[in-house]
Amino acid sequence: MRPSRRRPSFPTLVSAVLLGLVASPASAGLNTWTTGGPPGRPIRDLVVDPAGGTTAYAGTDTGVYRTTNGGATWTAINGGLTLLDIKALAISPVPGSLYCGMNGRGVFKFDGNANWTPFNSGLPVNVAIQALATNGSTVVTATSSNIYRSTDDGLTWNLSTPSNGTT
């Protein structure tokens, strides 16, 4: 008589596979990954500079970080930010503008060196930004309840209404 053999449940199998993936060490090389990024911070958004090269920006709950060497090192670039709770980043290839959206402080624009300036004209006070997107000088942001659009590189914002008449 064969001993009865119990099959593992699907959740148990999935957990075992995920545990194996998470517990595996990361290293550089063919078909492997290297861990990196701003030290100890969960990354909420990541954008790569479309001008090419090795520059990228990471938005975290402690601000915005920049790498200029493909992620080997990261530097905080938070001058002028009134809150460091970054929810979204967007970068436009033309005119090369970097934006960040924060929880409760709206949209800020980076000057390219070390400082951020608020660009909130037309946005509600203390608005929580959920997402950002750019296309040239047009910038679109989503809040928890509305979508706003700027056609002047973020200087002014207008509530965007659906073109099909729905809400």
Foldseek 3Di string as FASTA:
>chain_A
DDDDDDDDDPVVVVVVVVVVVVPDDADDDPPGHDDADDPPWDFQEKDAQPVDAQWIWTQTQQAIWIDRHNGPDIDHQEAADPGRHWQEWEFENVVGWIWTFAQQCGIWIDPPPRHIDDLQAAHDHRFGWHYWYDYHLKIWTDTPPFIWIDNHNRNHIHTDDDPVPDD
